[in-house]
């Protein structure tokens, strides 16, 4: 059995979810508890939702790709960087596959 998405969340993310639930899902109350604006809490929740989707996805099999997509969901890298790194990674995988197929000469 693979590790669940919940187990892969940071302590900070898990604490945010706990506070969200304890606030009965009220973003207004959560913003007040954190001392930040509603739009900031909304952005944090949107990023966490995207992160959970990435962590729970069965379609992403590469740990490298999953890590990149989590970093993007967290806002740590931009879309241009994500695409560039995924493209470079795919080229490297293709090069390795091609090298293995041609074998020693």
C-alpha atoms as a PDB file:
ATOM      1  CA  UNK A   1       0.000   0.000   0.000  1.00  0.00           C
ATOM      2  CA  UNK A   2       1.334   3.434  -0.886  1.00  0.00           C
ATOM      3  CA  UNK A   3       1.632   6.222   1.615  1.00  0.00           C
ATOM      4  CA  UNK A   4      -1.510   8.358   1.789  1.00  0.00           C
ATOM      5  CA  UNK A   5      -1.589  12.010   0.772  1.00  0.00           C
ATOM      6  CA  UNK A   6      -2.312  12.940   4.376  1.00  0.00           C
ATOM      7  CA  UNK A   7       0.905  11.323   5.587  1.00  0.00           C
ATOM      8  CA  UNK A   8       2.851  13.317   2.971  1.00  0.00           C
ATOM      9  CA  UNK A   9       1.638  16.720   4.195  1.00  0.00           C
ATOM     10  CA  UNK A  10       3.914  18.899   6.245  1.00  0.00           C
ATOM     11  CA  UNK A  11       3.077  19.528   9.902  1.00  0.00           C
ATOM     12  CA  UNK A  12       2.199  23.094   8.904  1.00  0.00           C
ATOM     13  CA  UNK A  13      -0.302  21.863   6.287  1.00  0.00           C
ATOM     14  CA  UNK A  14      -1.855  19.383   8.727  1.00  0.00           C
ATOM     15  CA  UNK A  15      -2.193  22.124  11.353  1.00  0.00           C
ATOM     16  CA  UNK A  16      -3.858  24.418   8.791  1.00  0.00           C
ATOM     17  CA  UNK A  17      -6.373  21.668   7.973  1.00  0.00           C
ATOM     18  CA  UNK A  18      -7.034  21.124  11.688  1.00  0.00           C
ATOM     19  CA  UNK A  19      -7.657  24.840  12.255  1.00  0.00           C
ATOM     20  CA  UNK A  20      -9.878  24.945   9.155  1.00  0.00           C
ATOM     21  CA  UNK A  21     -12.005  22.083  10.473  1.00  0.00           C
ATOM     22  CA  UNK A  22     -12.168  23.571  13.967  1.00  0.00           C
ATOM     23  CA  UNK A  23     -13.312  26.858  12.401  1.00  0.00           C
ATOM     24  CA  UNK A  24     -16.147  24.864  10.775  1.00  0.00           C
ATOM     25  CA  UNK A  25     -14.709  25.673   7.364  1.00  0.00           C
ATOM     26  CA  UNK A  26     -15.080  29.412   7.856  1.00  0.00           C
ATOM     27  CA  UNK A  27     -12.297  31.161   5.971  1.00  0.00           C
ATOM     28  CA  UNK A  28     -13.272  34.422   7.675  1.00  0.00           C
ATOM     29  CA  UNK A  29     -12.737  32.852  11.117  1.00  0.00           C
ATOM     30  CA  UNK A  30      -9.526  31.213   9.949  1.00  0.00           C
ATOM     31  CA  UNK A  31      -8.191  34.528   8.639  1.00  0.00           C
ATOM     32  CA  UNK A  32      -8.989  36.098  11.983  1.00  0.00           C
ATOM     33  CA  UNK A  33      -7.270  33.268  13.889  1.00  0.00           C
ATOM     34  CA  UNK A  34      -4.124  33.635  11.756  1.00  0.00           C
ATOM     35  CA  UNK A  35      -4.308  37.430  11.781  1.00  0.00           C
ATOM     36  CA  UNK A  36      -4.219  37.626   7.990  1.00  0.00           C
ATOM     37  CA  UNK A  37      -6.613  38.705   5.249  1.00  0.00           C
ATOM     38  CA  UNK A  38      -9.360  36.551   3.777  1.00  0.00           C
ATOM     39  CA  UNK A  39      -7.704  36.541   0.290  1.00  0.00           C
ATOM     40  CA  UNK A  40      -4.469  35.283   1.861  1.00  0.00           C
ATOM     41  CA  UNK A  41      -6.297  32.411   3.571  1.00  0.00           C
ATOM     42  CA  UNK A  42      -8.151  31.649   0.320  1.00  0.00           C
ATOM     43  CA  UNK A  43      -4.831  31.478  -1.560  1.00  0.00           C
ATOM     44  CA  UNK A  44      -3.355  29.197   1.126  1.00  0.00           C
ATOM     45  CA  UNK A  45      -6.373  26.897   0.908  1.00  0.00           C
ATOM     46  CA  UNK A  46      -6.296  26.852  -2.910  1.00  0.00           C
ATOM     47  CA  UNK A  47      -2.605  25.917  -2.857  1.00  0.00           C
ATOM     48  CA  UNK A  48      -3.237  23.206  -0.279  1.00  0.00           C
ATOM     49  CA  UNK A  49      -6.068  21.779  -2.391  1.00  0.00           C
ATOM     50  CA  UNK A  50      -3.762  21.647  -5.420  1.00  0.00           C
ATOM     51  CA  UNK A  51      -1.005  20.051  -3.335  1.00  0.00           C
ATOM     52  CA  UNK A  52      -3.381  17.347  -2.069  1.00  0.00           C
ATOM     53  CA  UNK A  53      -4.499  16.617  -5.636  1.00  0.00           C
ATOM     54  CA  UNK A  54      -0.860  16.181  -6.694  1.00  0.00           C
ATOM     55  CA  UNK A  55      -0.028  13.990  -3.698  1.00  0.00           C
ATOM     56  CA  UNK A  56      -3.142  11.851  -4.237  1.00  0.00           C
ATOM     57  CA  UNK A  57      -2.775  11.518  -8.014  1.00  0.00           C
ATOM     58  CA  UNK A  58      -2.289   7.981  -9.298  1.00  0.00           C
ATOM     59  CA  UNK A  59      -1.281   9.348 -12.713  1.00  0.00           C
ATOM     60  CA  UNK A  60       1.981  10.857 -11.472  1.00  0.00           C
ATOM     61  CA  UNK A  61       4.398   7.980 -11.056  1.00  0.00           C
ATOM     62  CA  UNK A  62       7.692   9.878 -11.038  1.00  0.00           C
ATOM     63  CA  UNK A  63       8.705  11.111  -7.588  1.00  0.00           C
ATOM     64  CA  UNK A  64      10.673  13.885  -9.328  1.00  0.00           C
ATOM     65  CA  UNK A  65       7.563  15.090 -11.163  1.00  0.00           C
ATOM     66  CA  UNK A  66       5.443  14.845  -8.010  1.00  0.00           C
ATOM     67  CA  UNK A  67       8.011  16.907  -6.065  1.00  0.00           C
ATOM     68  CA  UNK A  68       8.085  19.581  -8.776  1.00  0.00           C
ATOM     69  CA  UNK A  69       4.301  19.770  -8.941  1.00  0.00           C
ATOM     70  CA  UNK A  70       4.062  20.069  -5.146  1.00  0.00           C
ATOM     71  CA  UNK A  71       6.593  22.925  -5.209  1.00  0.00           C
ATOM     72  CA  UNK A  72       4.509  24.624  -7.895  1.00  0.00           C
ATOM     73  CA  UNK A  73       1.313  24.148  -5.847  1.00  0.00           C
ATOM     74  CA  UNK A  74       3.091  25.692  -2.855  1.00  0.00           C
ATOM     75  CA  UNK A  75       4.029  28.710  -4.977  1.00  0.00           C
ATOM     76  CA  UNK A  76       7.745  27.961  -4.647  1.00  0.00           C
ATOM     77  CA  UNK A  77       8.329  27.714  -8.412  1.00  0.00           C
ATOM     78  CA  UNK A  78       6.498  29.341 -11.308  1.00  0.00           C
ATOM     79  CA  UNK A  79       4.832  27.626 -14.271  1.00  0.00           C
ATOM     80  CA  UNK A  80       7.702  28.444 -16.645  1.00  0.00           C
ATOM     81  CA  UNK A  81      10.205  26.792 -14.305  1.00  0.00           C
ATOM     82  CA  UNK A  82       7.929  23.792 -13.774  1.00  0.00           C
ATOM     83  CA  UNK A  83       7.557  23.235 -17.511  1.00  0.00           C
ATOM     84  CA  UNK A  84      11.284  23.684 -18.171  1.00  0.00           C
ATOM     85  CA  UNK A  85      12.277  21.200 -15.469  1.00  0.00           C
ATOM     86  CA  UNK A  86       9.664  18.634 -16.513  1.00  0.00           C
ATOM     87  CA  UNK A  87      10.773  18.930 -20.148  1.00  0.00           C
ATOM     88  CA  UNK A  88      14.439  18.502 -19.194  1.00  0.00           C
ATOM     89  CA  UNK A  89      13.547  15.512 -17.017  1.00  0.00           C
ATOM     90  CA  UNK A  90      11.570  13.884 -19.834  1.00  0.00           C
ATOM     91  CA  UNK A  91      14.450  14.413 -22.280  1.00  0.00           C
ATOM     92  CA  UNK A  92      16.842  12.784 -19.811  1.00  0.00           C
ATOM     93  CA  UNK A  93      14.519   9.802 -19.360  1.00  0.00           C
ATOM     94  CA  UNK A  94      14.166   9.460 -23.148  1.00  0.00           C
ATOM     95  CA  UNK A  95      17.948   9.650 -23.568  1.00  0.00           C
ATOM     96  CA  UNK A  96      18.446   6.934 -20.937  1.00  0.00           C
ATOM     97  CA  UNK A  97      15.838   4.676 -22.555  1.00  0.00           C
ATOM     98  CA  UNK A  98      17.431   5.135 -25.956  1.00  0.00           C
ATOM     99  CA  UNK A  99      20.874   4.393 -24.533  1.00  0.00           C
ATOM    100  CA  UNK A 100      19.637   1.172 -22.887  1.00  0.00           C
ATOM    101  CA  UNK A 101      17.935  -0.021 -26.070  1.00  0.00           C
ATOM    102  CA  UNK A 102      21.023   0.471 -28.185  1.00  0.00           C
ATOM    103  CA  UNK A 103      23.118  -1.396 -25.590  1.00  0.00           C
ATOM    104  CA  UNK A 104      26.858  -1.999 -25.796  1.00  0.00           C
ATOM    105  CA  UNK A 105      28.379  -2.182 -29.258  1.00  0.00           C
END
